[in-house]
PDB file of N, CA and C in Angstrom:
ATOM      1  N   ARG A   1       1.044 -23.475  -3.798  1.00  0.00           N
ATOM      2  CA  ARG A   1       2.201 -24.343  -3.642  1.00  0.00           C
ATOM      3  C   ARG A   1       3.153 -24.265  -4.817  1.00  0.00           C
ATOM      4  N   SER A   2       2.624 -24.085  -5.989  1.00  0.00           N
ATOM      5  CA  SER A   2       3.503 -24.101  -7.157  1.00  0.00           C
ATOM      6  C   SER A   2       4.517 -22.963  -7.124  1.00  0.00           C
ATOM      7  N   GLN A   3       4.190 -21.880  -6.446  1.00  0.00           N
ATOM      8  CA  GLN A   3       5.157 -20.775  -6.317  1.00  0.00           C
ATOM      9  C   GLN A   3       6.385 -21.216  -5.520  1.00  0.00           C
ATOM     10  N   GLU A   4       6.180 -22.066  -4.543  1.00  0.00           N
ATOM     11  CA  GLU A   4       7.297 -22.563  -3.730  1.00  0.00           C
ATOM     12  C   GLU A   4       8.311 -23.310  -4.595  1.00  0.00           C
ATOM     13  N   PHE A   5       7.845 -24.052  -5.559  1.00  0.00           N
ATOM     14  CA  PHE A   5       8.729 -24.870  -6.386  1.00  0.00           C
ATOM     15  C   PHE A   5       9.613 -24.029  -7.301  1.00  0.00           C
ATOM     16  N   ARG A   6       9.199 -22.807  -7.570  1.00  0.00           N
ATOM     17  CA  ARG A   6      10.000 -21.925  -8.430  1.00  0.00           C
ATOM     18  C   ARG A   6      11.249 -21.414  -7.733  1.00  0.00           C
ATOM     19  N   LYS A   7      11.318 -21.606  -6.421  1.00  0.00           N
ATOM     20  CA  LYS A   7      12.510 -21.202  -5.675  1.00  0.00           C
ATOM     21  C   LYS A   7      13.681 -22.151  -5.914  1.00  0.00           C
ATOM     22  N   CYS A   8      13.438 -23.276  -6.552  1.00  0.00           N
ATOM     23  CA  CYS A   8      14.479 -24.280  -6.780  1.00  0.00           C
ATOM     24  C   CYS A   8      15.632 -23.684  -7.579  1.00  0.00           C
ATOM     25  N   ILE A   9      16.838 -23.841  -7.063  1.00  0.00           N
ATOM     26  CA  ILE A   9      18.033 -23.318  -7.729  1.00  0.00           C
ATOM     27  C   ILE A   9      18.747 -24.398  -8.540  1.00  0.00           C
ATOM     28  N   GLU A  10      18.115 -25.547  -8.652  1.00  0.00           N
ATOM     29  CA  GLU A  10      18.633 -26.673  -9.422  1.00  0.00           C
ATOM     30  C   GLU A  10      20.041 -27.072  -9.005  1.00  0.00           C
ATOM     31  N   CYS A  11      20.238 -27.171  -7.692  1.00  0.00           N
ATOM     32  CA  CYS A  11      21.531 -27.621  -7.166  1.00  0.00           C
ATOM     33  C   CYS A  11      21.637 -29.144  -7.200  1.00  0.00           C
ATOM     34  N   PHE A  12      20.510 -29.821  -7.321  1.00  0.00           N
ATOM     35  CA  PHE A  12      20.401 -31.274  -7.401  1.00  0.00           C
ATOM     36  C   PHE A  12      20.909 -31.998  -6.153  1.00  0.00           C
ATOM     37  N   LEU A  13      20.928 -31.300  -5.010  1.00  0.00           N
ATOM     38  CA  LEU A  13      21.244 -31.981  -3.754  1.00  0.00           C
ATOM     39  C   LEU A  13      20.180 -33.028  -3.433  1.00  0.00           C
ATOM     40  N   CYS A  14      18.946 -32.720  -3.776  1.00  0.00           N
ATOM     41  CA  CYS A  14      17.867 -33.681  -3.527  1.00  0.00           C
ATOM     42  C   CYS A  14      18.104 -34.968  -4.312  1.00  0.00           C
ATOM     43  N   GLN A  15      18.561 -34.850  -5.538  1.00  0.00           N
ATOM     44  CA  GLN A  15      18.855 -36.027  -6.355  1.00  0.00           C
ATOM     45  C   GLN A  15      20.019 -36.817  -5.757  1.00  0.00           C
ATOM     46  N   ASN A  16      21.049 -36.097  -5.295  1.00  0.00           N
ATOM     47  CA  ASN A  16      22.235 -36.764  -4.764  1.00  0.00           C
ATOM     48  C   ASN A  16      21.967 -37.509  -3.472  1.00  0.00           C
ATOM     49  N   THR A  17      21.046 -37.013  -2.649  1.00  0.00           N
ATOM     50  CA  THR A  17      20.785 -37.664  -1.374  1.00  0.00           C
ATOM     51  C   THR A  17      19.656 -38.674  -1.433  1.00  0.00           C
ATOM     52  N   CYS A  18      18.917 -38.692  -2.491  1.00  0.00           N
ATOM     53  CA  CYS A  18      17.789 -39.619  -2.606  1.00  0.00           C
ATOM     54  C   CYS A  18      18.303 -41.057  -2.606  1.00  0.00           C
ATOM     55  N   HIS A  19      17.926 -41.800  -1.587  1.00  0.00           N
ATOM     56  CA  HIS A  19      18.422 -43.174  -1.473  1.00  0.00           C
ATOM     57  C   HIS A  19      17.813 -44.110  -2.513  1.00  0.00           C
ATOM     58  N   VAL A  20      16.671 -43.755  -3.079  1.00  0.00           N
ATOM     59  CA  VAL A  20      16.085 -44.583  -4.133  1.00  0.00           C
ATOM     60  C   VAL A  20      17.019 -44.615  -5.335  1.00  0.00           C
ATOM     61  N   ILE A  21      17.651 -43.496  -5.628  1.00  0.00           N
ATOM     62  CA  ILE A  21      18.598 -43.416  -6.735  1.00  0.00           C
ATOM     63  C   ILE A  21      19.974 -43.906  -6.299  1.00  0.00           C
ATOM     64  N   ARG A  22      20.409 -43.459  -5.129  1.00  0.00           N
ATOM     65  CA  ARG A  22      21.767 -43.717  -4.664  1.00  0.00           C
ATOM     66  C   ARG A  22      22.018 -45.177  -4.319  1.00  0.00           C
ATOM     67  N   ASP A  23      21.078 -45.820  -3.652  1.00  0.00           N
ATOM     68  CA  ASP A  23      21.313 -47.159  -3.121  1.00  0.00           C
ATOM     69  C   ASP A  23      20.786 -48.301  -3.980  1.00  0.00           C
ATOM     70  N   HIS A  24      19.999 -48.007  -4.977  1.00  0.00           N
ATOM     71  CA  HIS A  24      19.376 -49.058  -5.777  1.00  0.00           C
ATOM     72  C   HIS A  24      19.649 -48.808  -7.259  1.00  0.00           C
ATOM     73  N   ASP A  25      20.670 -49.432  -7.770  1.00  0.00           N
ATOM     74  CA  ASP A  25      21.042 -49.227  -9.171  1.00  0.00           C
ATOM     75  C   ASP A  25      19.945 -49.626 -10.149  1.00  0.00           C
ATOM     76  N   ASP A  26      19.143 -50.618  -9.783  1.00  0.00           N
ATOM     77  CA  ASP A  26      18.079 -51.052 -10.689  1.00  0.00           C
ATOM     78  C   ASP A  26      16.955 -50.027 -10.803  1.00  0.00           C
ATOM     79  N   ASN A  27      16.872 -49.078  -9.854  1.00  0.00           N
ATOM     80  CA  ASN A  27      15.836 -48.042  -9.912  1.00  0.00           C
ATOM     81  C   ASN A  27      16.234 -46.843 -10.762  1.00  0.00           C
ATOM     82  N   LYS A  28      17.514 -46.690 -11.022  1.00  0.00           N
ATOM     83  CA  LYS A  28      17.981 -45.482 -11.708  1.00  0.00           C
ATOM     84  C   LYS A  28      17.295 -45.230 -13.053  1.00  0.00           C
ATOM     85  N   PRO A  29      17.117 -46.220 -13.903  1.00  0.00           N
ATOM     86  CA  PRO A  29      16.445 -45.931 -15.176  1.00  0.00           C
ATOM     87  C   PRO A  29      14.946 -45.640 -15.019  1.00  0.00           C
ATOM     88  N   ALA A  30      14.329 -46.151 -13.954  1.00  0.00           N
ATOM     89  CA  ALA A  30      12.886 -46.031 -13.811  1.00  0.00           C
ATOM     90  C   ALA A  30      12.448 -44.884 -12.907  1.00  0.00           C
ATOM     91  N   PHE A  31      13.375 -44.235 -12.215  1.00  0.00           N
ATOM     92  CA  PHE A  31      13.020 -43.226 -11.220  1.00  0.00           C
ATOM     93  C   PHE A  31      13.623 -41.882 -11.603  1.00  0.00           C
ATOM     94  N   SER A  32      12.775 -40.894 -11.798  1.00  0.00           N
ATOM     95  CA  SER A  32      13.245 -39.579 -12.225  1.00  0.00           C
ATOM     96  C   SER A  32      13.858 -38.770 -11.093  1.00  0.00           C
ATOM     97  N   GLY A  33      13.349 -38.925  -9.892  1.00  0.00           N
ATOM     98  CA  GLY A  33      13.927 -38.245  -8.745  1.00  0.00           C
ATOM     99  C   GLY A  33      13.188 -37.000  -8.314  1.00  0.00           C
ATOM    100  N   PRO A  34      13.540 -36.486  -7.133  1.00  0.00           N
ATOM    101  CA  PRO A  34      12.811 -35.370  -6.528  1.00  0.00           C
ATOM    102  C   PRO A  34      12.816 -34.089  -7.353  1.00  0.00           C
ATOM    103  N   ARG A  35      13.916 -33.739  -7.973  1.00  0.00           N
ATOM    104  CA  ARG A  35      13.958 -32.496  -8.745  1.00  0.00           C
ATOM    105  C   ARG A  35      12.948 -32.521  -9.877  1.00  0.00           C
ATOM    106  N   PHE A  36      12.853 -33.638 -10.536  1.00  0.00           N
ATOM    107  CA  PHE A  36      11.904 -33.756 -11.630  1.00  0.00           C
ATOM    108  C   PHE A  36      10.467 -33.740 -11.104  1.00  0.00           C
ATOM    109  N   PHE A  37      10.231 -34.358  -9.952  1.00  0.00           N
ATOM    110  CA  PHE A  37       8.880 -34.360  -9.371  1.00  0.00           C
ATOM    111  C   PHE A  37       8.446 -32.965  -8.953  1.00  0.00           C
ATOM    112  N   ILE A  38       9.397 -32.129  -8.550  1.00  0.00           N
ATOM    113  CA  ILE A  38       9.060 -30.740  -8.233  1.00  0.00           C
ATOM    114  C   ILE A  38       8.495 -30.055  -9.478  1.00  0.00           C
ATOM    115  N   ARG A  39       9.138 -30.266 -10.596  1.00  0.00           N
ATOM    116  CA  ARG A  39       8.699 -29.639 -11.846  1.00  0.00           C
ATOM    117  C   ARG A  39       7.341 -30.175 -12.299  1.00  0.00           C
ATOM    118  N   VAL A  40       7.166 -31.473 -12.215  1.00  0.00           N
ATOM    119  CA  VAL A  40       5.887 -32.075 -12.597  1.00  0.00           C
ATOM    120  C   VAL A  40       4.769 -31.570 -11.685  1.00  0.00           C
ATOM    121  N   ALA A  41       5.048 -31.499 -10.380  1.00  0.00           N
ATOM    122  CA  ALA A  41       4.043 -31.012  -9.427  1.00  0.00           C
ATOM    123  C   ALA A  41       3.708 -29.550  -9.693  1.00  0.00           C
ATOM    124  N   GLU A  42       4.719 -28.772 -10.029  1.00  0.00           N
ATOM    125  CA  GLU A  42       4.477 -27.353 -10.338  1.00  0.00           C
ATOM    126  C   GLU A  42       3.516 -27.215 -11.514  1.00  0.00           C
ATOM    127  N   LEU A  43       3.733 -27.982 -12.544  1.00  0.00           N
ATOM    128  CA  LEU A  43       2.854 -27.925 -13.712  1.00  0.00           C
ATOM    129  C   LEU A  43       1.475 -28.504 -13.398  1.00  0.00           C
ATOM    130  N   GLU A  44       1.450 -29.588 -12.665  1.00  0.00           N
ATOM    131  CA  GLU A  44       0.182 -30.243 -12.328  1.00  0.00           C
ATOM    132  C   GLU A  44      -0.708 -29.357 -11.462  1.00  0.00           C
ATOM    133  N   MET A  45      -0.109 -28.544 -10.607  1.00  0.00           N
ATOM    134  CA  MET A  45      -0.877 -27.707  -9.684  1.00  0.00           C
ATOM    135  C   MET A  45      -1.184 -26.317 -10.235  1.00  0.00           C
ATOM    136  N   HIS A  46      -0.628 -25.987 -11.370  1.00  0.00           N
ATOM    137  CA  HIS A  46      -0.869 -24.666 -11.944  1.00  0.00           C
ATOM    138  C   HIS A  46      -2.306 -24.598 -12.450  1.00  0.00           C
ATOM    139  N   PRO A  47      -3.037 -23.564 -12.079  1.00  0.00           N
ATOM    140  CA  PRO A  47      -4.462 -23.507 -12.441  1.00  0.00           C
ATOM    141  C   PRO A  47      -4.730 -23.380 -13.941  1.00  0.00           C
ATOM    142  N   LEU A  48      -3.791 -22.872 -14.707  1.00  0.00           N
ATOM    143  CA  LEU A  48      -4.017 -22.697 -16.142  1.00  0.00           C
ATOM    144  C   LEU A  48      -3.529 -23.877 -16.978  1.00  0.00           C
ATOM    145  N   ASP A  49      -2.791 -24.786 -16.362  1.00  0.00           N
ATOM    146  CA  ASP A  49      -2.275 -25.947 -17.082  1.00  0.00           C
ATOM    147  C   ASP A  49      -3.317 -27.058 -17.015  1.00  0.00           C
ATOM    148  N   THR A  50      -3.763 -27.520 -18.157  1.00  0.00           N
ATOM    149  CA  THR A  50      -4.835 -28.514 -18.187  1.00  0.00           C
ATOM    150  C   THR A  50      -4.353 -29.926 -18.500  1.00  0.00           C
ATOM    151  N   ALA A  51      -3.067 -30.109 -18.739  1.00  0.00           N
ATOM    152  CA  ALA A  51      -2.547 -31.445 -19.046  1.00  0.00           C
ATOM    153  C   ALA A  51      -2.622 -32.338 -17.812  1.00  0.00           C
ATOM    154  N   ASP A  52      -2.880 -33.600 -18.036  1.00  0.00           N
ATOM    155  CA  ASP A  52      -2.955 -34.578 -16.953  1.00  0.00           C
ATOM    156  C   ASP A  52      -1.681 -35.411 -16.968  1.00  0.00           C
ATOM    157  N   ARG A  53      -0.853 -35.223 -15.960  1.00  0.00           N
ATOM    158  CA  ARG A  53       0.444 -35.910 -15.894  1.00  0.00           C
ATOM    159  C   ARG A  53       0.464 -37.038 -14.865  1.00  0.00           C
ATOM    160  N   ARG A  54      -0.679 -37.365 -14.301  1.00  0.00           N
ATOM    161  CA  ARG A  54      -0.710 -38.357 -13.229  1.00  0.00           C
ATOM    162  C   ARG A  54      -0.257 -39.730 -13.693  1.00  0.00           C
ATOM    163  N   GLU A  55      -0.766 -40.179 -14.804  1.00  0.00           N
ATOM    164  CA  GLU A  55      -0.391 -41.498 -15.312  1.00  0.00           C
ATOM    165  C   GLU A  55       1.088 -41.541 -15.685  1.00  0.00           C
ATOM    166  N   ALA A  56       1.568 -40.494 -16.317  1.00  0.00           N
ATOM    167  CA  ALA A  56       2.982 -40.437 -16.689  1.00  0.00           C
ATOM    168  C   ALA A  56       3.879 -40.403 -15.452  1.00  0.00           C
ATOM    169  N   ALA A  57       3.466 -39.669 -14.427  1.00  0.00           N
ATOM    170  CA  ALA A  57       4.265 -39.599 -13.201  1.00  0.00           C
ATOM    171  C   ALA A  57       4.399 -40.976 -12.574  1.00  0.00           C
ATOM    172  N   GLN A  58       3.346 -41.743 -12.616  1.00  0.00           N
ATOM    173  CA  GLN A  58       3.377 -43.077 -12.009  1.00  0.00           C
ATOM    174  C   GLN A  58       4.140 -44.072 -12.877  1.00  0.00           C
ATOM    175  N   GLU A  59       3.791 -44.135 -14.145  1.00  0.00           N
ATOM    176  CA  GLU A  59       4.332 -45.171 -15.018  1.00  0.00           C
ATOM    177  C   GLU A  59       5.718 -44.848 -15.577  1.00  0.00           C
ATOM    178  N   GLU A  60       5.902 -43.648 -16.088  1.00  0.00           N
ATOM    179  CA  GLU A  60       7.142 -43.301 -16.774  1.00  0.00           C
ATOM    180  C   GLU A  60       8.221 -42.714 -15.855  1.00  0.00           C
ATOM    181  N   PHE A  61       7.788 -41.969 -14.839  1.00  0.00           N
ATOM    182  CA  PHE A  61       8.749 -41.249 -14.006  1.00  0.00           C
ATOM    183  C   PHE A  61       9.029 -41.944 -12.683  1.00  0.00           C
ATOM    184  N   GLY A  62       8.303 -43.017 -12.361  1.00  0.00           N
ATOM    185  CA  GLY A  62       8.589 -43.810 -11.177  1.00  0.00           C
ATOM    186  C   GLY A  62       8.158 -43.208  -9.859  1.00  0.00           C
ATOM    187  N   LEU A  63       7.090 -42.458  -9.849  1.00  0.00           N
ATOM    188  CA  LEU A  63       6.610 -41.831  -8.619  1.00  0.00           C
ATOM    189  C   LEU A  63       6.361 -42.853  -7.512  1.00  0.00           C
ATOM    190  N   GLY A  64       5.895 -44.023  -7.868  1.00  0.00           N
ATOM    191  CA  GLY A  64       5.600 -45.056  -6.882  1.00  0.00           C
ATOM    192  C   GLY A  64       6.827 -45.601  -6.170  1.00  0.00           C
ATOM    193  N   LEU A  65       8.001 -45.398  -6.724  1.00  0.00           N
ATOM    194  CA  LEU A  65       9.225 -45.897  -6.082  1.00  0.00           C
ATOM    195  C   LEU A  65       9.642 -45.054  -4.886  1.00  0.00           C
ATOM    196  N   CYS A  66       9.167 -43.826  -4.817  1.00  0.00           N
ATOM    197  CA  CYS A  66       9.513 -42.957  -3.682  1.00  0.00           C
ATOM    198  C   CYS A  66       8.806 -43.468  -2.434  1.00  0.00           C
ATOM    199  N   ASN A  67       9.584 -43.692  -1.368  1.00  0.00           N
ATOM    200  CA  ASN A  67       8.963 -44.178  -0.132  1.00  0.00           C
ATOM    201  C   ASN A  67       8.929 -43.112   0.959  1.00  0.00           C
ATOM    202  N   ILE A  68       9.042 -41.858   0.563  1.00  0.00           N
ATOM    203  CA  ILE A  68       8.764 -40.697   1.410  1.00  0.00           C
ATOM    204  C   ILE A  68       9.602 -40.668   2.685  1.00  0.00           C
ATOM    205  N   THR A  69      10.908 -40.762   2.552  1.00  0.00           N
ATOM    206  CA  THR A  69      11.775 -40.655   3.733  1.00  0.00           C
ATOM    207  C   THR A  69      12.153 -39.212   4.050  1.00  0.00           C
ATOM    208  N   LYS A  70      11.830 -38.295   3.155  1.00  0.00           N
ATOM    209  CA  LYS A  70      12.058 -36.860   3.311  1.00  0.00           C
ATOM    210  C   LYS A  70      13.535 -36.463   3.338  1.00  0.00           C
ATOM    211  N   CYS A  71      14.418 -37.318   2.869  1.00  0.00           N
ATOM    212  CA  CYS A  71      15.836 -36.950   2.816  1.00  0.00           C
ATOM    213  C   CYS A  71      16.062 -35.820   1.815  1.00  0.00           C
ATOM    214  N   CYS A  72      15.261 -35.750   0.765  1.00  0.00           N
ATOM    215  CA  CYS A  72      15.399 -34.671  -0.215  1.00  0.00           C
ATOM    216  C   CYS A  72      15.008 -33.327   0.391  1.00  0.00           C
ATOM    217  N   THR A  73      13.976 -33.322   1.192  1.00  0.00           N
ATOM    218  CA  THR A  73      13.515 -32.088   1.839  1.00  0.00           C
ATOM    219  C   THR A  73      14.549 -31.576   2.832  1.00  0.00           C
ATOM    220  N   GLU A  74      15.182 -32.487   3.549  1.00  0.00           N
ATOM    221  CA  GLU A  74      16.144 -32.104   4.583  1.00  0.00           C
ATOM    222  C   GLU A  74      17.363 -31.381   4.022  1.00  0.00           C
ATOM    223  N   VAL A  75      17.768 -31.680   2.794  1.00  0.00           N
ATOM    224  CA  VAL A  75      18.983 -31.080   2.243  1.00  0.00           C
ATOM    225  C   VAL A  75      18.726 -29.871   1.355  1.00  0.00           C
ATOM    226  N   CYS A  76      17.484 -29.543   1.099  1.00  0.00           N
ATOM    227  CA  CYS A  76      17.174 -28.438   0.189  1.00  0.00           C
ATOM    228  C   CYS A  76      17.626 -27.105   0.787  1.00  0.00           C
ATOM    229  N   PRO A  77      18.558 -26.405   0.122  1.00  0.00           N
ATOM    230  CA  PRO A  77      19.033 -25.131   0.656  1.00  0.00           C
ATOM    231  C   PRO A  77      17.996 -24.015   0.589  1.00  0.00           C
ATOM    232  N   GLU A  78      16.977 -24.174  -0.234  1.00  0.00           N
ATOM    233  CA  GLU A  78      15.922 -23.173  -0.357  1.00  0.00           C
ATOM    234  C   GLU A  78      14.738 -23.458   0.562  1.00  0.00           C
ATOM    235  N   GLY A  79      14.784 -24.555   1.286  1.00  0.00           N
ATOM    236  CA  GLY A  79      13.723 -24.884   2.218  1.00  0.00           C
ATOM    237  C   GLY A  79      12.435 -25.350   1.565  1.00  0.00           C
ATOM    238  N   ILE A  80      12.521 -25.857   0.364  1.00  0.00           N
ATOM    239  CA  ILE A  80      11.337 -26.361  -0.332  1.00  0.00           C
ATOM    240  C   ILE A  80      10.923 -27.678   0.311  1.00  0.00           C
ATOM    241  N   LYS A  81       9.683 -27.782   0.654  1.00  0.00           N
ATOM    242  CA  LYS A  81       9.164 -29.016   1.246  1.00  0.00           C
ATOM    243  C   LYS A  81       8.787 -29.973   0.109  1.00  0.00           C
ATOM    244  N   ILE A  82       9.807 -30.596  -0.433  1.00  0.00           N
ATOM    245  CA  ILE A  82       9.655 -31.426  -1.629  1.00  0.00           C
ATOM    246  C   ILE A  82       8.685 -32.574  -1.378  1.00  0.00           C
ATOM    247  N   THR A  83       8.888 -33.267  -0.285  1.00  0.00           N
ATOM    248  CA  THR A  83       8.059 -34.440   0.002  1.00  0.00           C
ATOM    249  C   THR A  83       6.632 -34.044   0.322  1.00  0.00           C
ATOM    250  N   ASP A  84       6.460 -33.110   1.244  1.00  0.00           N
ATOM    251  CA  ASP A  84       5.124 -32.755   1.717  1.00  0.00           C
ATOM    252  C   ASP A  84       4.302 -31.985   0.690  1.00  0.00           C
ATOM    253  N   ASN A  85       4.929 -31.148  -0.098  1.00  0.00           N
ATOM    254  CA  ASN A  85       4.178 -30.278  -1.003  1.00  0.00           C
ATOM    255  C   ASN A  85       4.214 -30.699  -2.466  1.00  0.00           C
ATOM    256  N   ALA A  86       5.097 -31.614  -2.828  1.00  0.00           N
ATOM    257  CA  ALA A  86       5.168 -32.042  -4.230  1.00  0.00           C
ATOM    258  C   ALA A  86       4.886 -33.532  -4.385  1.00  0.00           C
ATOM    259  N   ILE A  87       5.679 -34.360  -3.724  1.00  0.00           N
ATOM    260  CA  ILE A  87       5.596 -35.802  -3.956  1.00  0.00           C
ATOM    261  C   ILE A  87       4.318 -36.402  -3.370  1.00  0.00           C
ATOM    262  N   ILE A  88       4.008 -36.093  -2.110  1.00  0.00           N
ATOM    263  CA  ILE A  88       2.808 -36.675  -1.500  1.00  0.00           C
ATOM    264  C   ILE A  88       1.528 -36.233  -2.222  1.00  0.00           C
ATOM    265  N   PRO A  89       1.358 -34.931  -2.539  1.00  0.00           N
ATOM    266  CA  PRO A  89       0.154 -34.568  -3.312  1.00  0.00           C
ATOM    267  C   PRO A  89       0.069 -35.253  -4.679  1.00  0.00           C
ATOM    268  N   MET A  90       1.207 -35.443  -5.323  1.00  0.00           N
ATOM    269  CA  MET A  90       1.190 -36.150  -6.609  1.00  0.00           C
ATOM    270  C   MET A  90       0.762 -37.606  -6.406  1.00  0.00           C
ATOM    271  N   LYS A  91       1.292 -38.245  -5.372  1.00  0.00           N
ATOM    272  CA  LYS A  91       0.899 -39.627  -5.083  1.00  0.00           C
ATOM    273  C   LYS A  91      -0.600 -39.702  -4.777  1.00  0.00           C
ATOM    274  N   GLU A  92      -1.111 -38.731  -4.035  1.00  0.00           N
ATOM    275  CA  GLU A  92      -2.542 -38.717  -3.713  1.00  0.00           C
ATOM    276  C   GLU A  92      -3.388 -38.573  -4.969  1.00  0.00           C
ATOM    277  N   ARG A  93      -2.957 -37.759  -5.889  1.00  0.00           N
ATOM    278  CA  ARG A  93      -3.710 -37.584  -7.144  1.00  0.00           C
ATOM    279  C   ARG A  93      -3.722 -38.851  -7.977  1.00  0.00           C
ATOM    280  N   VAL A  94      -2.589 -39.555  -7.988  1.00  0.00           N
ATOM    281  CA  VAL A  94      -2.523 -40.825  -8.718  1.00  0.00           C
ATOM    282  C   VAL A  94      -3.457 -41.843  -8.078  1.00  0.00           C
ATOM    283  N   VAL A  95      -3.418 -41.931  -6.761  1.00  0.00           N
ATOM    284  CA  VAL A  95      -4.257 -42.894  -6.046  1.00  0.00           C
ATOM    285  C   VAL A  95      -5.732 -42.571  -6.247  1.00  0.00           C
ATOM    286  N   ASP A  96      -6.078 -41.282  -6.170  1.00  0.00           N
ATOM    287  CA  ASP A  96      -7.475 -40.896  -6.374  1.00  0.00           C
ATOM    288  C   ASP A  96      -7.978 -41.366  -7.730  1.00  0.00           C
ATOM    289  N   ARG A  97      -7.151 -41.253  -8.721  1.00  0.00           N
ATOM    290  CA  ARG A  97      -7.582 -41.621 -10.070  1.00  0.00           C
ATOM    291  C   ARG A  97      -7.597 -43.127 -10.274  1.00  0.00           C
ATOM    292  N   ARG A  98      -6.580 -43.812  -9.771  1.00  0.00           N
ATOM    293  CA  ARG A  98      -6.444 -45.241 -10.034  1.00  0.00           C
ATOM    294  C   ARG A  98      -7.292 -46.130  -9.133  1.00  0.00           C
ATOM    295  N   TYR A  99      -7.392 -45.763  -7.866  1.00  0.00           N
ATOM    296  CA  TYR A  99      -7.937 -46.703  -6.896  1.00  0.00           C
ATOM    297  C   TYR A  99      -9.225 -46.265  -6.216  1.00  0.00           C
ATOM    298  N   ASP A 100      -9.755 -45.132  -6.568  1.00  0.00           N
ATOM    299  CA  ASP A 100     -11.022 -44.700  -5.993  1.00  0.00           C
ATOM    300  C   ASP A 100     -12.141 -45.550  -6.591  1.00  0.00           C
ATOM    301  N   PRO A 101     -12.885 -46.270  -5.744  1.00  0.00           N
ATOM    302  CA  PRO A 101     -13.917 -47.167  -6.290  1.00  0.00           C
ATOM    303  C   PRO A 101     -15.024 -46.433  -7.038  1.00  0.00           C
ATOM    304  N   LEU A 102     -15.340 -45.214  -6.645  1.00  0.00           N
ATOM    305  CA  LEU A 102     -16.382 -44.465  -7.353  1.00  0.00           C
ATOM    306  C   LEU A 102     -15.922 -44.039  -8.738  1.00  0.00           C
ATOM    307  N   VAL A 103     -14.661 -43.641  -8.847  1.00  0.00           N
ATOM    308  CA  VAL A 103     -14.117 -43.290 -10.158  1.00  0.00           C
ATOM    309  C   VAL A 103     -14.086 -44.529 -11.043  1.00  0.00           C
ATOM    310  N   TRP A 104     -13.662 -45.662 -10.486  1.00  0.00           N
ATOM    311  CA  TRP A 104     -13.618 -46.907 -11.241  1.00  0.00           C
ATOM    312  C   TRP A 104     -15.001 -47.276 -11.748  1.00  0.00           C
ATOM    313  N   LEU A 105     -16.006 -47.200 -10.868  1.00  0.00           N
ATOM    314  CA  LEU A 105     -17.368 -47.540 -11.250  1.00  0.00           C
ATOM    315  C   LEU A 105     -17.893 -46.587 -12.323  1.00  0.00           C
ATOM    316  N   GLY A 106     -17.611 -45.299 -12.150  1.00  0.00           N
ATOM    317  CA  GLY A 106     -18.033 -44.325 -13.153  1.00  0.00           C
ATOM    318  C   GLY A 106     -17.401 -44.595 -14.502  1.00  0.00           C
ATOM    319  N   ASN A 107     -16.117 -44.964 -14.497  1.00  0.00           N
ATOM    320  CA  ASN A 107     -15.439 -45.294 -15.756  1.00  0.00           C
ATOM    321  C   ASN A 107     -16.061 -46.521 -16.412  1.00  0.00           C
ATOM    322  N   LYS A 108     -16.428 -47.505 -15.615  1.00  0.00           N
ATOM    323  CA  LYS A 108     -17.046 -48.720 -16.167  1.00  0.00           C
ATOM    324  C   LYS A 108     -18.445 -48.430 -16.704  1.00  0.00           C
ATOM    325  N   LEU A 109     -19.212 -47.652 -15.966  1.00  0.00           N
ATOM    326  CA  LEU A 109     -20.580 -47.375 -16.393  1.00  0.00           C
ATOM    327  C   LEU A 109     -20.643 -46.482 -17.619  1.00  0.00           C
ATOM    328  N   PHE A 110     -19.767 -45.528 -17.689  1.00  0.00           N
ATOM    329  CA  PHE A 110     -19.819 -44.551 -18.785  1.00  0.00           C
ATOM    330  C   PHE A 110     -18.726 -44.785 -19.821  1.00  0.00           C
ATOM    331  N   ARG A 111     -18.051 -45.914 -19.696  1.00  0.00           N
ATOM    332  CA  ARG A 111     -17.026 -46.364 -20.647  1.00  0.00           C
ATOM    333  C   ARG A 111     -15.913 -45.346 -20.873  1.00  0.00           C
ATOM    334  N   ARG A 112     -15.501 -44.717 -19.787  1.00  0.00           N
ATOM    335  CA  ARG A 112     -14.325 -43.857 -19.841  1.00  0.00           C
ATOM    336  C   ARG A 112     -13.149 -44.673 -19.347  1.00  0.00           C
ATOM    337  N   GLY A 113     -11.995 -44.383 -19.814  1.00  0.00           N
ATOM    338  CA  GLY A 113     -10.804 -45.101 -19.342  1.00  0.00           C
ATOM    339  C   GLY A 113     -10.415 -46.185 -20.319  1.00  0.00           C
ATOM    340  N   ASN A 114      -9.317 -46.842 -19.986  1.00  0.00           N
ATOM    341  CA  ASN A 114      -8.739 -47.821 -20.887  1.00  0.00           C
ATOM    342  C   ASN A 114      -9.174 -49.252 -20.588  1.00  0.00           C
ATOM    343  N   ASP A 115      -9.735 -49.534 -19.408  1.00  0.00           N
ATOM    344  CA  ASP A 115     -10.059 -50.915 -19.042  1.00  0.00           C
ATOM    345  C   ASP A 115     -11.355 -51.358 -19.642  1.00  0.00           C
TER     346      ASP A 115
END
């Protein structure tokens, strides 16, 4: 999937059509937008990259504000499936880490994590 994201020509049509940015002024400082999520997903999915960006994507970049309307995917001139191949997998990775009861229990038992 990460190869697909390299086709991005940085036209920023996805940013311009994203209603989270366009229609909600209070979200603008907290939401990085689809173009940035493509880049984060590309790095997160690369097999040689070992950095964990899940927490940053959720807290700093506003991944949770995206409500998956796929308007960014519809306007992409390169046909990149931004929502299906970048944003949704990133959201799934965040959820797996934050809300999986087995991960939570393992963190509590072995004292990993911040809680």
